[in-house]
Amino acid sequence: MKNVEKKKMTKLLICQKKAVALGALVVLVGVAGYLNFVYDKSDGTQSTLNEYVETVKDIENEQQNAGEAQPVSADAKSADYFTSARMNRETARSESIELLKSTIDNANVSAEARQEAENKIFAISDNIENEVNIENVIKSKGFSDVLVSVSGDQVSVAVRAESLTAPQTAQLNDAVEQFVSTNNVKIVEVP
């Protein structure tokens, strides 16, 4: 009888180890996808995206006031910037969701790991909904193009503008606050 219990415990430990390994793999693939997204220089528009990412990092490092507008140097193809950034964002998300779905569908994964994967998918879905809603509100305020990225309580807003006035910056912050409760808003101007 004790041998049967030992075998069950051994199988349980093996399943738990596999779940941990699979979870680590999912995280590593997500990080690899993000790094590929950030550092991919396969076309000319990617460098503009990298400039945007670097600008956001500079803002965070300098710990400037949240909501203060920062200019981004961009070439005449800023329309391509928004299109390319949207496509890259959607590709990275699709890959993440597929990995999470494969975790959920894997019979060897623990119930806790499946639940965590489901929660991450729901969080991604909420972020997508908030981004779309914020973008629509900002466009209704008269901005011709906008890209919003929501990650937890951090929100980045890139708008097509030469320079933003204080009332425009306040409008952007108000649009974000309608859907996400945060003081961590980064606004970037893309000429």
Protein backbone atom coordinates (compact mmCIF):
# COMPACT_ATOMS: atom_id res chain seq x y z
CA MET A 1 0.00 0.00 0.00
CA LYS A 2 2.84 2.39 0.84
CA ASN A 3 4.50 1.70 -2.54
CA VAL A 4 1.34 2.87 -4.29
CA GLU A 5 1.32 6.06 -2.22
CA LYS A 6 5.02 6.65 -2.95
CA LYS A 7 4.39 6.21 -6.67
CA LYS A 8 1.51 8.68 -6.52
CA MET A 9 3.65 11.20 -4.63
CA THR A 10 6.50 10.72 -7.11
CA LYS A 11 4.14 11.29 -10.04
CA LEU A 12 2.72 14.37 -8.33
CA LEU A 13 6.20 15.81 -7.77
CA ILE A 14 7.15 15.14 -11.38
CA CYS A 15 3.96 16.89 -12.59
CA GLN A 16 4.69 19.86 -10.35
CA LYS A 17 8.25 20.08 -11.64
CA LYS A 18 6.98 19.93 -15.21
CA ALA A 19 4.49 22.71 -14.47
CA VAL A 20 7.22 24.90 -13.00
CA ALA A 21 9.47 24.19 -15.98
CA LEU A 22 6.65 24.96 -18.41
CA GLY A 23 5.84 28.18 -16.56
CA ALA A 24 9.48 29.23 -16.73
CA LEU A 25 9.51 28.40 -20.44
CA VAL A 26 6.42 30.54 -21.03
CA VAL A 27 8.07 33.46 -19.24
CA LEU A 28 11.31 33.02 -21.21
CA VAL A 29 9.48 32.88 -24.54
CA GLY A 30 7.54 36.00 -23.56
CA VAL A 31 10.76 37.81 -22.70
CA ALA A 32 12.34 36.62 -25.96
CA GLY A 33 9.31 37.89 -27.90
CA TYR A 34 9.50 41.25 -26.17
CA LEU A 35 13.24 41.56 -26.83
CA ASN A 36 12.70 40.59 -30.45
CA PHE A 37 9.97 43.23 -30.65
CA VAL A 38 12.21 45.92 -29.17
CA TYR A 39 15.49 45.12 -30.90
CA ASP A 40 14.30 43.92 -34.32
CA LYS A 41 15.86 46.22 -36.94
CA SER A 42 14.47 44.46 -40.01
CA ASP A 43 12.86 47.57 -41.51
CA GLY A 44 13.23 51.32 -41.37
CA THR A 45 10.16 51.96 -39.22
CA GLN A 46 11.45 49.80 -36.38
CA SER A 47 14.07 52.38 -35.45
CA THR A 48 11.28 54.88 -34.78
CA LEU A 49 9.64 52.35 -32.45
CA ASN A 50 12.98 51.86 -30.69
CA GLU A 51 13.27 55.64 -30.30
CA TYR A 52 9.82 55.63 -28.68
CA VAL A 53 10.81 52.82 -26.29
CA GLU A 54 14.06 54.57 -25.41
CA THR A 55 12.21 57.83 -24.80
CA VAL A 56 9.80 56.08 -22.42
CA LYS A 57 12.77 54.50 -20.61
CA ASP A 58 14.46 57.91 -20.36
CA ILE A 59 11.32 59.39 -18.85
CA GLU A 60 11.16 56.60 -16.28
CA ASN A 61 14.86 56.92 -15.45
CA GLU A 62 14.65 60.67 -14.99
CA GLN A 63 11.49 60.24 -12.89
CA GLN A 64 9.83 63.25 -14.41
CA ASN A 65 6.27 64.21 -13.50
CA ALA A 66 3.69 61.77 -14.82
CA GLY A 67 1.75 63.14 -17.76
CA GLU A 68 4.43 65.59 -18.85
CA ALA A 69 4.67 65.46 -22.65
CA GLN A 70 7.97 64.43 -24.21
CA PRO A 71 8.88 64.86 -27.90
CA VAL A 72 10.12 61.96 -30.01
CA SER A 73 12.30 62.53 -33.02
CA ALA A 74 10.59 60.98 -36.02
CA ASP A 75 10.94 61.19 -39.76
CA ALA A 76 8.26 61.95 -42.37
CA LYS A 77 6.95 58.41 -42.04
CA SER A 78 5.27 58.85 -38.65
CA ALA A 79 2.12 57.28 -40.09
CA ASP A 80 4.22 54.17 -40.67
CA TYR A 81 5.33 54.38 -37.05
CA PHE A 82 1.79 54.01 -35.74
CA THR A 83 0.94 51.22 -38.18
CA SER A 84 4.15 49.33 -37.49
CA ALA A 85 3.86 49.74 -33.73
CA ARG A 86 0.28 48.45 -33.77
CA MET A 87 1.26 45.43 -35.86
CA ASN A 88 4.22 44.62 -33.60
CA ARG A 89 2.07 44.98 -30.48
CA GLU A 90 -0.59 42.65 -31.89
CA THR A 91 1.99 40.07 -33.04
CA ALA A 92 3.64 39.97 -29.63
CA ARG A 93 0.28 39.65 -27.90
CA SER A 94 -0.89 36.89 -30.24
CA GLU A 95 2.25 34.90 -29.53
CA SER A 96 1.83 35.35 -25.79
CA ILE A 97 -1.81 34.29 -25.92
CA GLU A 98 -0.95 31.20 -27.97
CA LEU A 99 1.66 30.16 -25.40
CA LEU A 100 -0.80 30.70 -22.59
CA LYS A 101 -3.46 28.69 -24.43
CA SER A 102 -1.02 25.82 -24.96
CA THR A 103 -0.33 25.88 -21.22
CA ILE A 104 -4.06 25.69 -20.49
CA ASP A 105 -4.54 22.82 -22.97
CA ASN A 106 -1.58 20.80 -21.67
CA ALA A 107 -2.84 17.89 -19.53
CA ASN A 108 0.50 17.68 -17.70
CA VAL A 109 0.20 21.20 -16.30
CA SER A 110 -1.14 21.68 -12.78
CA ALA A 111 -4.50 23.29 -12.17
CA GLU A 112 -2.74 26.28 -10.55
CA ALA A 113 -0.60 26.87 -13.63
CA ARG A 114 -3.67 26.62 -15.86
CA GLN A 115 -5.52 29.11 -13.68
CA GLU A 116 -2.58 31.51 -13.78
CA ALA A 117 -2.44 31.24 -17.58
CA GLU A 118 -6.19 31.94 -17.78
CA ASN A 119 -5.78 34.97 -15.50
CA LYS A 120 -3.01 36.31 -17.73
CA ILE A 121 -5.21 35.91 -20.81
CA PHE A 122 -8.02 37.79 -19.05
CA ALA A 123 -5.57 40.55 -18.07
CA ILE A 124 -4.36 40.85 -21.69
CA SER A 125 -7.98 41.02 -22.83
CA ASP A 126 -8.74 43.79 -20.31
CA ASN A 127 -5.64 45.72 -21.44
CA ILE A 128 -6.70 45.45 -25.09
CA GLU A 129 -10.20 46.69 -24.28
CA ASN A 130 -8.84 49.62 -22.26
CA GLU A 131 -6.39 50.54 -25.04
CA VAL A 132 -9.12 50.61 -27.68
CA ASN A 133 -11.44 52.65 -25.46
CA ILE A 134 -8.72 55.17 -24.56
CA GLU A 135 -7.64 55.50 -28.21
CA ASN A 136 -11.24 56.14 -29.30
CA VAL A 137 -11.74 58.84 -26.65
CA ILE A 138 -8.46 60.53 -27.59
CA LYS A 139 -9.33 60.46 -31.30
CA SER A 140 -12.70 62.03 -30.47
CA LYS A 141 -10.75 64.92 -28.88
CA GLY A 142 -9.30 65.76 -32.31
CA PHE A 143 -5.99 63.87 -32.39
CA SER A 144 -5.40 62.32 -35.80
CA ASP A 145 -3.49 59.27 -34.63
CA VAL A 146 -2.81 57.69 -31.27
CA LEU A 147 -1.28 54.52 -29.87
CA VAL A 148 -2.01 53.45 -26.30
CA SER A 149 -0.25 50.65 -24.46
CA VAL A 150 -1.61 49.44 -21.11
CA SER A 151 0.42 47.11 -18.92
CA GLY A 152 -0.86 46.73 -15.39
CA ASP A 153 -1.02 50.24 -13.95
CA GLN A 154 1.38 51.70 -16.53
CA VAL A 155 -0.04 53.49 -19.56
CA SER A 156 1.93 54.88 -22.49
CA VAL A 157 0.23 57.22 -24.93
CA ALA A 158 1.84 58.20 -28.23
CA VAL A 159 -0.01 60.90 -30.18
CA ARG A 160 0.64 62.58 -33.49
CA ALA A 161 1.46 66.13 -32.45
CA GLU A 162 4.25 68.65 -32.92
CA SER A 163 3.83 69.88 -29.37
CA LEU A 164 1.11 69.47 -26.78
CA THR A 165 -0.39 72.27 -24.77
CA ALA A 166 -1.17 71.85 -21.09
CA PRO A 167 -4.93 71.51 -21.79
CA GLN A 168 -4.24 68.81 -24.42
CA THR A 169 -2.04 66.90 -21.96
CA ALA A 170 -4.83 67.16 -19.40
CA GLN A 171 -7.31 65.80 -21.98
CA LEU A 172 -5.04 62.83 -22.62
CA ASN A 173 -4.70 62.13 -18.89
CA ASP A 174 -8.48 62.42 -18.45
CA ALA A 175 -9.05 59.92 -21.28
CA VAL A 176 -6.72 57.44 -19.59
CA GLU A 177 -8.29 57.94 -16.16
CA GLN A 178 -11.74 57.06 -17.56
CA PHE A 179 -10.58 53.46 -18.03
CA VAL A 180 -7.41 52.89 -15.96
CA SER A 181 -6.87 54.05 -12.42
CA THR A 182 -3.21 55.12 -12.40
CA ASN A 183 -0.85 58.02 -11.94
CA ASN A 184 1.76 56.31 -14.11
CA VAL A 185 0.95 57.81 -17.54
CA LYS A 186 3.67 58.51 -20.10
CA ILE A 187 2.73 60.80 -23.00
CA VAL A 188 4.92 60.91 -26.09
CA GLU A 189 4.55 63.29 -29.03
CA VAL A 190 5.23 61.86 -32.48
CA PRO A 191 5.48 64.63 -35.11
